Amino acid sequence: MFAGLIDNPWFYAAAIPAIVLTGVAKGGFGGGIGSLAVPLIALTIAPARAAAIMLPILMLMDAVGLYAYRGQWDRRIMRIILPAGLVGIVIGWLTFRFLADHWIRILLGVISLAFVIDGLRPTAPHAARASDTSGRIWATVSGFTSFVTHAGGPPLNFYLLRQQLDKVLFAGTTIVFFAVINATKVVPYLALGLFDATNLATSAVLAPAAAAGIVIGILLRKHISRTIFFRIVYGFVFVTGCKLLYDGMRTLLA
């Protein structure tokens, strides 16, 4: 392996498929699949390092999403969720140094299983809209979990799925929210020393996998059903979540 890069082959065995799948989802299928990558990568390296490596890659994907959904997002909802999400980032920043790796793995495991449950549960098209207060609470949780593990999708979906948005507005609102959240995380990550030379170099080496995933997603969109694709993803996330939860609890109880 080149000097300055992570030299664990198991890391690349987990990271490349995770990043490609994330790119495929963003390129052709939508959804909060950013929740997939860090849990898979955290099976091989410390969760904080996995989050640092993924942030530049997620920002690259965000740029593609912002272009694809330019102008197609709900401004009223954004005024509710974005300030709260930024508060969640501040909370994550202030508490990050106090979170041991086993606690982050437990959090990742719980979020991963919540992601699967949230994605598989039937949606009620005529359910009452969630309140603005509910939106602020879930967006704050989303900002926090996004800061720690890039897994802000499930908490935000608990609110957005009850706003009765059409598919385009739902996707666009989610993309804009996380694009701002991810860009905002750069300064705290720098302050926490997470962007060392090795992490940044590894991000650069893995960036082509993200680009390839986006292209594959665009090509596959008309040939593979969204349902089949997400069943595969949910399977990965479920197994990964169980393993992370087990590893975290085993360390905690040791």
C-alpha atoms as a PDB file:
ATOM      1  CA  MET A   1       0.000   0.000   0.000  1.00  0.00           C
ATOM      2  CA  PHE A   2       1.224   3.528  -0.717  1.00  0.00           C
ATOM      3  CA  ALA A   3       2.876   5.466   2.100  1.00  0.00           C
ATOM      4  CA  GLY A   4       0.499   7.660   4.037  1.00  0.00           C
ATOM      5  CA  LEU A   5      -2.523   5.415   3.457  1.00  0.00           C
ATOM      6  CA  ILE A   6      -4.281   2.939   5.727  1.00  0.00           C
ATOM      7  CA  ASP A   7      -2.571  -0.402   5.047  1.00  0.00           C
ATOM      8  CA  ASN A   8      -5.241  -2.761   6.401  1.00  0.00           C
ATOM      9  CA  PRO A   9      -6.624  -4.784   3.457  1.00  0.00           C
ATOM     10  CA  TRP A  10      -9.809  -5.562   5.398  1.00  0.00           C
ATOM     11  CA  PHE A  11     -10.477  -1.837   5.570  1.00  0.00           C
ATOM     12  CA  TYR A  12     -10.596  -1.593   1.768  1.00  0.00           C
ATOM     13  CA  ALA A  13     -12.631  -4.793   1.538  1.00  0.00           C
ATOM     14  CA  ALA A  14     -15.300  -3.066   3.650  1.00  0.00           C
ATOM     15  CA  ALA A  15     -14.882   0.536   2.489  1.00  0.00           C
ATOM     16  CA  ILE A  16     -15.012   0.077  -1.288  1.00  0.00           C
ATOM     17  CA  PRO A  17     -18.334  -1.853  -1.375  1.00  0.00           C
ATOM     18  CA  ALA A  18     -19.827   0.506   1.230  1.00  0.00           C
ATOM     19  CA  ILE A  19     -18.873   3.601  -0.769  1.00  0.00           C
ATOM     20  CA  VAL A  20     -19.981   2.094  -4.082  1.00  0.00           C
ATOM     21  CA  LEU A  21     -23.378   1.154  -2.615  1.00  0.00           C
ATOM     22  CA  THR A  22     -23.728   4.649  -1.178  1.00  0.00           C
ATOM     23  CA  GLY A  23     -22.942   6.114  -4.579  1.00  0.00           C
ATOM     24  CA  VAL A  24     -25.368   3.762  -6.338  1.00  0.00           C
ATOM     25  CA  ALA A  25     -28.136   4.847  -3.960  1.00  0.00           C
ATOM     26  CA  LYS A  26     -27.450   8.539  -4.399  1.00  0.00           C
ATOM     27  CA  GLY A  27     -27.037   8.214  -8.151  1.00  0.00           C
ATOM     28  CA  GLY A  28     -30.140   6.228  -8.912  1.00  0.00           C
ATOM     29  CA  PHE A  29     -32.306   5.316  -5.960  1.00  0.00           C
ATOM     30  CA  GLY A  30     -32.264   8.085  -3.343  1.00  0.00           C
ATOM     31  CA  GLY A  31     -32.772   7.448   0.358  1.00  0.00           C
ATOM     32  CA  GLY A  32     -30.600   7.956   3.427  1.00  0.00           C
ATOM     33  CA  ILE A  33     -27.960   5.390   2.530  1.00  0.00           C
ATOM     34  CA  GLY A  34     -25.239   7.532   4.056  1.00  0.00           C
ATOM     35  CA  SER A  35     -26.119   5.461   7.125  1.00  0.00           C
ATOM     36  CA  LEU A  36     -24.564   2.383   5.499  1.00  0.00           C
ATOM     37  CA  ALA A  37     -20.939   3.367   4.939  1.00  0.00           C
ATOM     38  CA  VAL A  38     -19.581   4.235   8.399  1.00  0.00           C
ATOM     39  CA  PRO A  39     -21.013   1.145  10.146  1.00  0.00           C
ATOM     40  CA  LEU A  40     -19.387  -1.146   7.560  1.00  0.00           C
ATOM     41  CA  ILE A  41     -16.053   0.669   7.673  1.00  0.00           C
ATOM     42  CA  ALA A  42     -16.155   0.772  11.487  1.00  0.00           C
ATOM     43  CA  LEU A  43     -15.919  -3.022  11.479  1.00  0.00           C
ATOM     44  CA  THR A  44     -12.257  -2.601  10.503  1.00  0.00           C
ATOM     45  CA  ILE A  45     -11.065   0.722  11.995  1.00  0.00           C
ATOM     46  CA  ALA A  46     -12.032   3.101  14.795  1.00  0.00           C
ATOM     47  CA  PRO A  47     -15.465   4.689  14.176  1.00  0.00           C
ATOM     48  CA  ALA A  48     -14.100   8.241  14.485  1.00  0.00           C
ATOM     49  CA  ARG A  49     -11.526   7.571  11.761  1.00  0.00           C
ATOM     50  CA  ALA A  50     -14.211   5.978   9.567  1.00  0.00           C
ATOM     51  CA  ALA A  51     -16.344   9.116   9.929  1.00  0.00           C
ATOM     52  CA  ALA A  52     -13.396  11.382   9.073  1.00  0.00           C
ATOM     53  CA  ILE A  53     -12.551   9.410   5.934  1.00  0.00           C
ATOM     54  CA  MET A  54     -16.175   9.384   4.771  1.00  0.00           C
ATOM     55  CA  LEU A  55     -16.899  13.106   5.180  1.00  0.00           C
ATOM     56  CA  PRO A  56     -15.044  14.369   2.057  1.00  0.00           C
ATOM     57  CA  ILE A  57     -16.550  11.507   0.048  1.00  0.00           C
ATOM     58  CA  LEU A  58     -20.074  12.335   1.231  1.00  0.00           C
ATOM     59  CA  MET A  59     -19.504  15.988   0.343  1.00  0.00           C
ATOM     60  CA  LEU A  60     -18.534  14.939  -3.189  1.00  0.00           C
ATOM     61  CA  MET A  61     -21.792  13.004  -3.445  1.00  0.00           C
ATOM     62  CA  ASP A  62     -23.704  15.948  -1.975  1.00  0.00           C
ATOM     63  CA  ALA A  63     -22.453  18.161  -4.818  1.00  0.00           C
ATOM     64  CA  VAL A  64     -23.944  15.751  -7.345  1.00  0.00           C
ATOM     65  CA  GLY A  65     -27.233  15.639  -5.435  1.00  0.00           C
ATOM     66  CA  LEU A  66     -27.459  19.417  -5.149  1.00  0.00           C
ATOM     67  CA  TYR A  67     -27.069  19.742  -8.902  1.00  0.00           C
ATOM     68  CA  ALA A  68     -29.645  17.032  -9.619  1.00  0.00           C
ATOM     69  CA  TYR A  69     -32.262  18.503  -7.236  1.00  0.00           C
ATOM     70  CA  ARG A  70     -31.454  22.203  -7.562  1.00  0.00           C
ATOM     71  CA  GLY A  71     -34.435  24.297  -6.479  1.00  0.00           C
ATOM     72  CA  GLN A  72     -36.536  21.248  -5.589  1.00  0.00           C
ATOM     73  CA  TRP A  73     -36.777  21.373  -1.800  1.00  0.00           C
ATOM     74  CA  ASP A  74     -39.283  22.569   0.794  1.00  0.00           C
ATOM     75  CA  ARG A  75     -38.230  25.937   2.214  1.00  0.00           C
ATOM     76  CA  ARG A  76     -40.751  25.973   5.084  1.00  0.00           C
ATOM     77  CA  ILE A  77     -39.526  22.627   6.375  1.00  0.00           C
ATOM     78  CA  MET A  78     -35.893  23.662   5.897  1.00  0.00           C
ATOM     79  CA  ARG A  79     -36.449  26.665   8.179  1.00  0.00           C
ATOM     80  CA  ILE A  80     -37.572  24.208  10.866  1.00  0.00           C
ATOM     81  CA  ILE A  81     -34.990  21.454  10.530  1.00  0.00           C
ATOM     82  CA  LEU A  82     -31.761  23.185   9.502  1.00  0.00           C
ATOM     83  CA  PRO A  83     -31.227  25.394  12.611  1.00  0.00           C
ATOM     84  CA  ALA A  84     -32.040  22.386  14.807  1.00  0.00           C
ATOM     85  CA  GLY A  85     -29.634  20.205  12.832  1.00  0.00           C
ATOM     86  CA  LEU A  86     -26.874  22.753  13.390  1.00  0.00           C
ATOM     87  CA  VAL A  87     -27.601  22.644  17.130  1.00  0.00           C
ATOM     88  CA  GLY A  88     -27.176  18.870  16.935  1.00  0.00           C
ATOM     89  CA  ILE A  89     -23.763  19.350  15.328  1.00  0.00           C
ATOM     90  CA  VAL A  90     -22.679  21.632  18.195  1.00  0.00           C
ATOM     91  CA  ILE A  91     -23.824  19.003  20.724  1.00  0.00           C
ATOM     92  CA  GLY A  92     -21.900  16.330  18.818  1.00  0.00           C
ATOM     93  CA  TRP A  93     -18.790  18.521  18.728  1.00  0.00           C
ATOM     94  CA  LEU A  94     -18.907  19.225  22.478  1.00  0.00           C
ATOM     95  CA  THR A  95     -19.438  15.584  23.448  1.00  0.00           C
ATOM     96  CA  PHE A  96     -17.348  13.791  20.818  1.00  0.00           C
ATOM     97  CA  ARG A  97     -14.158  13.520  22.880  1.00  0.00           C
ATOM     98  CA  PHE A  98     -16.111  11.855  25.692  1.00  0.00           C
ATOM     99  CA  LEU A  99     -17.477   9.064  23.484  1.00  0.00           C
ATOM    100  CA  ALA A 100     -15.295   5.967  23.685  1.00  0.00           C
ATOM    101  CA  ASP A 101     -15.107   3.699  20.635  1.00  0.00           C
ATOM    102  CA  HIS A 102     -17.359   1.076  22.213  1.00  0.00           C
ATOM    103  CA  TRP A 103     -20.080   3.662  22.866  1.00  0.00           C
ATOM    104  CA  ILE A 104     -19.857   4.855  19.255  1.00  0.00           C
ATOM    105  CA  ARG A 105     -20.126   1.244  18.067  1.00  0.00           C
ATOM    106  CA  ILE A 106     -23.207   0.740  20.248  1.00  0.00           C
ATOM    107  CA  LEU A 107     -24.711   3.950  18.871  1.00  0.00           C
ATOM    108  CA  LEU A 108     -23.906   2.841  15.324  1.00  0.00           C
ATOM    109  CA  GLY A 109     -25.505  -0.545  15.959  1.00  0.00           C
ATOM    110  CA  VAL A 110     -28.693   0.993  17.355  1.00  0.00           C
ATOM    111  CA  ILE A 111     -28.930   3.527  14.511  1.00  0.00           C
ATOM    112  CA  SER A 112     -28.316   0.815  11.902  1.00  0.00           C
ATOM    113  CA  LEU A 113     -31.131  -1.353  13.268  1.00  0.00           C
ATOM    114  CA  ALA A 114     -33.397   1.707  13.518  1.00  0.00           C
ATOM    115  CA  PHE A 115     -32.592   2.458   9.875  1.00  0.00           C
ATOM    116  CA  VAL A 116     -33.713  -1.023   8.845  1.00  0.00           C
ATOM    117  CA  ILE A 117     -36.895  -0.891  10.934  1.00  0.00           C
ATOM    118  CA  ASP A 118     -37.724   2.578   9.626  1.00  0.00           C
ATOM    119  CA  GLY A 119     -37.115   1.538   6.028  1.00  0.00           C
ATOM    120  CA  LEU A 120     -39.160  -1.658   6.172  1.00  0.00           C
ATOM    121  CA  ARG A 121     -42.160  -0.403   8.101  1.00  0.00           C
ATOM    122  CA  PRO A 122     -45.229   0.386   5.992  1.00  0.00           C
ATOM    123  CA  THR A 123     -45.840   4.094   5.492  1.00  0.00           C
ATOM    124  CA  ALA A 124     -49.236   5.606   6.139  1.00  0.00           C
ATOM    125  CA  PRO A 125     -49.920   8.026   3.266  1.00  0.00           C
ATOM    126  CA  HIS A 126     -52.623   9.876   5.169  1.00  0.00           C
ATOM    127  CA  ALA A 127     -50.989   9.977   8.594  1.00  0.00           C
ATOM    128  CA  ALA A 128     -51.248  13.263  10.441  1.00  0.00           C
ATOM    129  CA  ARG A 129     -48.342  15.611   9.874  1.00  0.00           C
ATOM    130  CA  ALA A 130     -45.765  15.793  12.632  1.00  0.00           C
ATOM    131  CA  SER A 131     -45.576  19.102  14.485  1.00  0.00           C
ATOM    132  CA  ASP A 132     -42.864  21.734  14.036  1.00  0.00           C
ATOM    133  CA  THR A 133     -41.644  20.925  17.549  1.00  0.00           C
ATOM    134  CA  SER A 134     -41.275  17.279  16.571  1.00  0.00           C
ATOM    135  CA  GLY A 135     -39.316  18.397  13.519  1.00  0.00           C
ATOM    136  CA  ARG A 136     -36.895  20.418  15.628  1.00  0.00           C
ATOM    137  CA  ILE A 137     -36.366  17.536  18.063  1.00  0.00           C
ATOM    138  CA  TRP A 138     -35.711  14.926  15.364  1.00  0.00           C
ATOM    139  CA  ALA A 139     -33.525  17.309  13.344  1.00  0.00           C
ATOM    140  CA  THR A 140     -31.400  17.978  16.440  1.00  0.00           C
ATOM    141  CA  VAL A 141     -30.984  14.219  16.947  1.00  0.00           C
ATOM    142  CA  SER A 142     -30.189  13.912  13.238  1.00  0.00           C
ATOM    143  CA  GLY A 143     -27.496  16.597  13.449  1.00  0.00           C
ATOM    144  CA  PHE A 144     -25.924  14.845  16.434  1.00  0.00           C
ATOM    145  CA  THR A 145     -25.920  11.335  14.921  1.00  0.00           C
ATOM    146  CA  SER A 146     -24.746  12.753  11.603  1.00  0.00           C
ATOM    147  CA  PHE A 147     -21.792  14.431  13.329  1.00  0.00           C
ATOM    148  CA  VAL A 148     -20.763  11.295  15.194  1.00  0.00           C
ATOM    149  CA  THR A 149     -21.447   8.608  12.580  1.00  0.00           C
ATOM    150  CA  HIS A 150     -22.892  10.250   9.408  1.00  0.00           C
ATOM    151  CA  ALA A 151     -26.100   8.411  10.273  1.00  0.00           C
ATOM    152  CA  GLY A 152     -28.578  11.283  10.468  1.00  0.00           C
ATOM    153  CA  GLY A 153     -31.033   9.782   8.003  1.00  0.00           C
ATOM    154  CA  PRO A 154     -33.226   7.647  10.293  1.00  0.00           C
ATOM    155  CA  PRO A 155     -33.979  10.406  12.861  1.00  0.00           C
ATOM    156  CA  LEU A 156     -34.766  12.932  10.139  1.00  0.00           C
ATOM    157  CA  ASN A 157     -36.993  10.438   8.324  1.00  0.00           C
ATOM    158  CA  PHE A 158     -39.103   9.989  11.456  1.00  0.00           C
ATOM    159  CA  TYR A 159     -40.202  13.588  10.845  1.00  0.00           C
ATOM    160  CA  LEU A 160     -39.996  14.027   7.076  1.00  0.00           C
ATOM    161  CA  LEU A 161     -41.960  10.892   6.224  1.00  0.00           C
ATOM    162  CA  ARG A 162     -44.984  12.426   7.978  1.00  0.00           C
ATOM    163  CA  GLN A 163     -44.867  15.677   6.026  1.00  0.00           C
ATOM    164  CA  GLN A 164     -46.697  14.217   3.014  1.00  0.00           C
ATOM    165  CA  LEU A 165     -44.109  15.516   0.545  1.00  0.00           C
ATOM    166  CA  ASP A 166     -43.953  14.181  -2.991  1.00  0.00           C
ATOM    167  CA  LYS A 167     -40.912  12.052  -3.830  1.00  0.00           C
ATOM    168  CA  VAL A 168     -38.935  14.813  -5.514  1.00  0.00           C
ATOM    169  CA  LEU A 169     -39.439  17.340  -2.700  1.00  0.00           C
ATOM    170  CA  PHE A 170     -38.670  14.684  -0.097  1.00  0.00           C
ATOM    171  CA  ALA A 171     -35.413  13.714  -1.820  1.00  0.00           C
ATOM    172  CA  GLY A 172     -34.413  17.316  -2.522  1.00  0.00           C
ATOM    173  CA  THR A 173     -35.118  18.480   1.036  1.00  0.00           C
ATOM    174  CA  THR A 174     -33.077  15.583   2.446  1.00  0.00           C
ATOM    175  CA  ILE A 175     -30.172  16.249   0.085  1.00  0.00           C
ATOM    176  CA  VAL A 176     -30.024  19.988   0.804  1.00  0.00           C
ATOM    177  CA  PHE A 177     -30.252  19.427   4.569  1.00  0.00           C
ATOM    178  CA  PHE A 178     -27.386  16.930   4.671  1.00  0.00           C
ATOM    179  CA  ALA A 179     -25.281  18.897   2.196  1.00  0.00           C
ATOM    180  CA  VAL A 180     -25.336  21.857   4.598  1.00  0.00           C
ATOM    181  CA  ILE A 181     -24.866  19.619   7.635  1.00  0.00           C
ATOM    182  CA  ASN A 182     -21.871  17.832   6.074  1.00  0.00           C
ATOM    183  CA  ALA A 183     -20.227  21.085   4.981  1.00  0.00           C
ATOM    184  CA  THR A 184     -20.693  22.499   8.486  1.00  0.00           C
ATOM    185  CA  LYS A 185     -18.953  19.494  10.021  1.00  0.00           C
ATOM    186  CA  VAL A 186     -15.646  20.353   8.350  1.00  0.00           C
ATOM    187  CA  VAL A 187     -14.600  22.993  10.918  1.00  0.00           C
ATOM    188  CA  PRO A 188     -15.340  20.878  14.020  1.00  0.00           C
ATOM    189  CA  TYR A 189     -13.651  17.854  12.438  1.00  0.00           C
ATOM    190  CA  LEU A 190     -10.571  19.995  11.840  1.00  0.00           C
ATOM    191  CA  ALA A 191     -10.704  21.279  15.422  1.00  0.00           C
ATOM    192  CA  LEU A 192     -10.910  17.700  16.721  1.00  0.00           C
ATOM    193  CA  GLY A 193      -7.868  16.686  14.661  1.00  0.00           C
ATOM    194  CA  LEU A 194      -9.779  14.108  12.617  1.00  0.00           C
ATOM    195  CA  PHE A 195      -8.434  15.278   9.252  1.00  0.00           C
ATOM    196  CA  ASP A 196      -4.870  14.011   9.455  1.00  0.00           C
ATOM    197  CA  ALA A 197      -2.793  13.330   6.339  1.00  0.00           C
ATOM    198  CA  THR A 198      -3.557   9.605   6.342  1.00  0.00           C
ATOM    199  CA  ASN A 199      -7.321  10.082   6.541  1.00  0.00           C
ATOM    200  CA  LEU A 200      -7.365  12.719   3.786  1.00  0.00           C
ATOM    201  CA  ALA A 201      -5.131  10.662   1.506  1.00  0.00           C
ATOM    202  CA  THR A 202      -7.341   7.621   2.041  1.00  0.00           C
ATOM    203  CA  SER A 203     -10.434   9.686   1.224  1.00  0.00           C
ATOM    204  CA  ALA A 204      -8.805  10.800  -2.023  1.00  0.00           C
ATOM    205  CA  VAL A 205      -7.939   7.228  -3.004  1.00  0.00           C
ATOM    206  CA  LEU A 206     -11.504   6.077  -2.310  1.00  0.00           C
ATOM    207  CA  ALA A 207     -13.190   8.987  -4.115  1.00  0.00           C
ATOM    208  CA  PRO A 208     -13.244   7.156  -7.483  1.00  0.00           C
ATOM    209  CA  ALA A 209     -15.354   4.424  -5.841  1.00  0.00           C
ATOM    210  CA  ALA A 210     -17.954   7.079  -4.998  1.00  0.00           C
ATOM    211  CA  ALA A 211     -17.936   8.405  -8.558  1.00  0.00           C
ATOM    212  CA  ALA A 212     -18.203   4.867  -9.949  1.00  0.00           C
ATOM    213  CA  GLY A 213     -21.121   4.137  -7.633  1.00  0.00           C
ATOM    214  CA  ILE A 214     -22.999   7.237  -8.778  1.00  0.00           C
ATOM    215  CA  VAL A 215     -22.513   6.293 -12.448  1.00  0.00           C
ATOM    216  CA  ILE A 216     -23.587   2.700 -11.769  1.00  0.00           C
ATOM    217  CA  GLY A 217     -26.668   3.967  -9.943  1.00  0.00           C
ATOM    218  CA  ILE A 218     -27.669   6.140 -12.882  1.00  0.00           C
ATOM    219  CA  LEU A 219     -27.225   3.204 -15.281  1.00  0.00           C
ATOM    220  CA  LEU A 220     -29.036   0.687 -13.079  1.00  0.00           C
ATOM    221  CA  ARG A 221     -31.969   2.915 -12.156  1.00  0.00           C
ATOM    222  CA  LYS A 222     -34.089   1.663 -15.060  1.00  0.00           C
ATOM    223  CA  HIS A 223     -33.037  -1.985 -14.759  1.00  0.00           C
ATOM    224  CA  ILE A 224     -33.237  -2.824 -11.048  1.00  0.00           C
ATOM    225  CA  SER A 225     -36.248  -2.043  -8.920  1.00  0.00           C
ATOM    226  CA  ARG A 226     -35.789   0.278  -5.960  1.00  0.00           C
ATOM    227  CA  THR A 227     -37.380  -2.360  -3.705  1.00  0.00           C
ATOM    228  CA  ILE A 228     -34.835  -5.058  -4.587  1.00  0.00           C
ATOM    229  CA  PHE A 229     -31.907  -2.677  -4.211  1.00  0.00           C
ATOM    230  CA  PHE A 230     -32.971  -1.507  -0.778  1.00  0.00           C
ATOM    231  CA  ARG A 231     -33.642  -5.039   0.429  1.00  0.00           C
ATOM    232  CA  ILE A 232     -30.006  -5.809  -0.346  1.00  0.00           C
ATOM    233  CA  VAL A 233     -28.876  -2.661   1.466  1.00  0.00           C
ATOM    234  CA  TYR A 234     -31.097  -3.370   4.479  1.00  0.00           C
ATOM    235  CA  GLY A 235     -29.573  -6.845   4.697  1.00  0.00           C
ATOM    236  CA  PHE A 236     -26.064  -5.353   4.827  1.00  0.00           C
ATOM    237  CA  VAL A 237     -27.091  -2.750   7.395  1.00  0.00           C
ATOM    238  CA  PHE A 238     -28.913  -5.267   9.616  1.00  0.00           C
ATOM    239  CA  VAL A 239     -25.988  -7.702   9.808  1.00  0.00           C
ATOM    240  CA  THR A 240     -23.510  -4.852  10.305  1.00  0.00           C
ATOM    241  CA  GLY A 241     -25.660  -3.239  13.011  1.00  0.00           C
ATOM    242  CA  CYS A 242     -25.917  -6.504  14.945  1.00  0.00           C
ATOM    243  CA  LYS A 243     -22.143  -7.022  14.759  1.00  0.00           C
ATOM    244  CA  LEU A 244     -21.358  -3.469  15.918  1.00  0.00           C
ATOM    245  CA  LEU A 245     -23.873  -3.693  18.751  1.00  0.00           C
ATOM    246  CA  TYR A 246     -22.366  -7.017  19.834  1.00  0.00           C
ATOM    247  CA  ASP A 247     -18.789  -5.692  19.697  1.00  0.00           C
ATOM    248  CA  GLY A 248     -19.677  -2.547  21.612  1.00  0.00           C
ATOM    249  CA  MET A 249     -21.614  -4.361  24.324  1.00  0.00           C
ATOM    250  CA  ARG A 250     -18.904  -7.013  24.699  1.00  0.00           C
ATOM    251  CA  THR A 251     -16.264  -4.323  25.302  1.00  0.00           C
ATOM    252  CA  LEU A 252     -18.569  -2.409  27.652  1.00  0.00           C
ATOM    253  CA  LEU A 253     -19.321  -5.479  29.768  1.00  0.00           C
ATOM    254  CA  ALA A 254     -15.775  -6.854  29.754  1.00  0.00           C
END
